[in-house]
Amino acid sequence: MGAGSTMTNEQFYLSIGVPILFNGLALTLVTITLSNRIGDLVARMTSFEQRMATKEELRRVEEVLDARLRHIEEELERR
């Protein structure tokens, strides 16, 4: 802009509006990306917790089966 030139209303609105729109778009993209990543993390944690619960259940089943087998072996030894 040269000396004595003035900014029109359209130029003024664009100089304010374009950065606001850009920042809004950037913030929206960041929010969507973070939301997706957090969703993936929650899914992984849920899957991990389910696997751990399954391992605990299998451990309990193994303990029960070991106890029953021990009992059968003791009965067979007595005969």
C-alpha atoms as a PDB file:
ATOM      1  CA  MET A   1       0.000   0.000   0.000  1.00  0.00           C
ATOM      2  CA  GLY A   2       1.344   3.323  -0.941  1.00  0.00           C
ATOM      3  CA  ALA A   3       1.226   6.504   1.028  1.00  0.00           C
ATOM      4  CA  GLY A   4      -2.267   7.797   1.476  1.00  0.00           C
ATOM      5  CA  SER A   5      -3.996   4.596   0.363  1.00  0.00           C
ATOM      6  CA  THR A   6      -6.691   3.197   2.572  1.00  0.00           C
ATOM      7  CA  MET A   7      -7.834  -0.351   3.242  1.00  0.00           C
ATOM      8  CA  THR A   8     -11.288  -1.190   1.952  1.00  0.00           C
ATOM      9  CA  ASN A   9     -13.817  -2.946   4.139  1.00  0.00           C
ATOM     10  CA  GLU A  10     -13.439  -6.122   2.066  1.00  0.00           C
ATOM     11  CA  GLN A  11      -9.664  -6.111   2.534  1.00  0.00           C
ATOM     12  CA  PHE A  12     -10.084  -5.509   6.240  1.00  0.00           C
ATOM     13  CA  TYR A  13     -12.563  -8.370   6.623  1.00  0.00           C
ATOM     14  CA  LEU A  14     -10.342 -10.708   4.597  1.00  0.00           C
ATOM     15  CA  SER A  15      -7.269  -9.764   6.633  1.00  0.00           C
ATOM     16  CA  ILE A  16      -9.127 -10.815   9.782  1.00  0.00           C
ATOM     17  CA  GLY A  17     -11.358 -13.582   8.431  1.00  0.00           C
ATOM     18  CA  VAL A  18      -8.808 -15.653   6.524  1.00  0.00           C
ATOM     19  CA  PRO A  19      -6.499 -16.249   9.531  1.00  0.00           C
ATOM     20  CA  ILE A  20      -9.512 -17.037  11.721  1.00  0.00           C
ATOM     21  CA  LEU A  21     -10.793 -19.580   9.198  1.00  0.00           C
ATOM     22  CA  PHE A  22      -7.312 -21.091   8.797  1.00  0.00           C
ATOM     23  CA  ASN A  23      -6.870 -21.398  12.568  1.00  0.00           C
ATOM     24  CA  GLY A  24     -10.337 -22.912  12.899  1.00  0.00           C
ATOM     25  CA  LEU A  25      -9.582 -25.473  10.205  1.00  0.00           C
ATOM     26  CA  ALA A  26      -6.209 -26.327  11.746  1.00  0.00           C
ATOM     27  CA  LEU A  27      -7.778 -26.711  15.202  1.00  0.00           C
ATOM     28  CA  THR A  28     -10.512 -28.939  13.780  1.00  0.00           C
ATOM     29  CA  LEU A  29      -7.965 -31.210  12.074  1.00  0.00           C
ATOM     30  CA  VAL A  30      -5.863 -31.460  15.235  1.00  0.00           C
ATOM     31  CA  THR A  31      -8.963 -32.252  17.295  1.00  0.00           C
ATOM     32  CA  ILE A  32     -10.075 -34.980  14.884  1.00  0.00           C
ATOM     33  CA  THR A  33      -6.590 -36.507  14.822  1.00  0.00           C
ATOM     34  CA  LEU A  34      -6.282 -36.515  18.601  1.00  0.00           C
ATOM     35  CA  SER A  35      -9.776 -37.920  18.978  1.00  0.00           C
ATOM     36  CA  ASN A  36      -8.942 -40.791  16.627  1.00  0.00           C
ATOM     37  CA  ARG A  37      -5.697 -41.529  18.428  1.00  0.00           C
ATOM     38  CA  ILE A  38      -7.373 -41.488  21.824  1.00  0.00           C
ATOM     39  CA  GLY A  39     -10.062 -43.811  20.457  1.00  0.00           C
ATOM     40  CA  ASP A  40      -7.377 -46.211  19.212  1.00  0.00           C
ATOM     41  CA  LEU A  41      -5.637 -46.093  22.589  1.00  0.00           C
ATOM     42  CA  VAL A  42      -8.884 -46.856  24.434  1.00  0.00           C
ATOM     43  CA  ALA A  43      -9.516 -49.795  22.081  1.00  0.00           C
ATOM     44  CA  ARG A  44      -6.011 -51.138  22.723  1.00  0.00           C
ATOM     45  CA  MET A  45      -6.405 -50.794  26.481  1.00  0.00           C
ATOM     46  CA  THR A  46      -9.762 -52.566  26.378  1.00  0.00           C
ATOM     47  CA  SER A  47      -8.282 -55.385  24.314  1.00  0.00           C
ATOM     48  CA  PHE A  48      -5.328 -55.648  26.707  1.00  0.00           C
ATOM     49  CA  GLU A  49      -7.636 -55.759  29.738  1.00  0.00           C
ATOM     50  CA  GLN A  50      -9.712 -58.491  28.109  1.00  0.00           C
ATOM     51  CA  ARG A  51      -6.590 -60.541  27.370  1.00  0.00           C
ATOM     52  CA  MET A  52      -5.399 -60.123  30.953  1.00  0.00           C
ATOM     53  CA  ALA A  53      -8.809 -61.210  32.276  1.00  0.00           C
ATOM     54  CA  THR A  54      -8.694 -64.244  29.976  1.00  0.00           C
ATOM     55  CA  LYS A  55      -5.208 -65.127  31.217  1.00  0.00           C
ATOM     56  CA  GLU A  56      -6.399 -64.886  34.827  1.00  0.00           C
ATOM     57  CA  GLU A  57      -9.359 -67.135  34.066  1.00  0.00           C
ATOM     58  CA  LEU A  58      -7.089 -69.654  32.344  1.00  0.00           C
ATOM     59  CA  ARG A  59      -4.730 -69.573  35.313  1.00  0.00           C
ATOM     60  CA  ARG A  60      -7.641 -70.369  37.647  1.00  0.00           C
ATOM     61  CA  VAL A  61      -8.803 -73.222  35.411  1.00  0.00           C
ATOM     62  CA  GLU A  62      -5.264 -74.578  35.356  1.00  0.00           C
ATOM     63  CA  GLU A  63      -5.082 -74.470  39.162  1.00  0.00           C
ATOM     64  CA  VAL A  64      -8.385 -76.336  39.470  1.00  0.00           C
ATOM     65  CA  LEU A  65      -7.310 -78.951  36.942  1.00  0.00           C
ATOM     66  CA  ASP A  66      -3.945 -79.367  38.688  1.00  0.00           C
ATOM     67  CA  ALA A  67      -5.710 -79.888  42.013  1.00  0.00           C
ATOM     68  CA  ARG A  68      -8.067 -82.469  40.489  1.00  0.00           C
ATOM     69  CA  LEU A  69      -5.204 -84.284  38.765  1.00  0.00           C
ATOM     70  CA  ARG A  70      -3.227 -84.324  42.009  1.00  0.00           C
ATOM     71  CA  HIS A  71      -6.253 -85.799  43.787  1.00  0.00           C
ATOM     72  CA  ILE A  72      -6.663 -88.510  41.121  1.00  0.00           C
ATOM     73  CA  GLU A  73      -2.949 -89.351  41.261  1.00  0.00           C
ATOM     74  CA  GLU A  74      -3.096 -89.635  45.058  1.00  0.00           C
ATOM     75  CA  GLU A  75      -6.121 -91.929  44.790  1.00  0.00           C
ATOM     76  CA  LEU A  76      -4.316 -94.106  42.259  1.00  0.00           C
ATOM     77  CA  GLU A  77      -1.207 -94.307  44.466  1.00  0.00           C
ATOM     78  CA  ARG A  78      -3.326 -95.520  47.418  1.00  0.00           C
ATOM     79  CA  ARG A  79      -4.699 -98.463  45.395  1.00  0.00           C
END
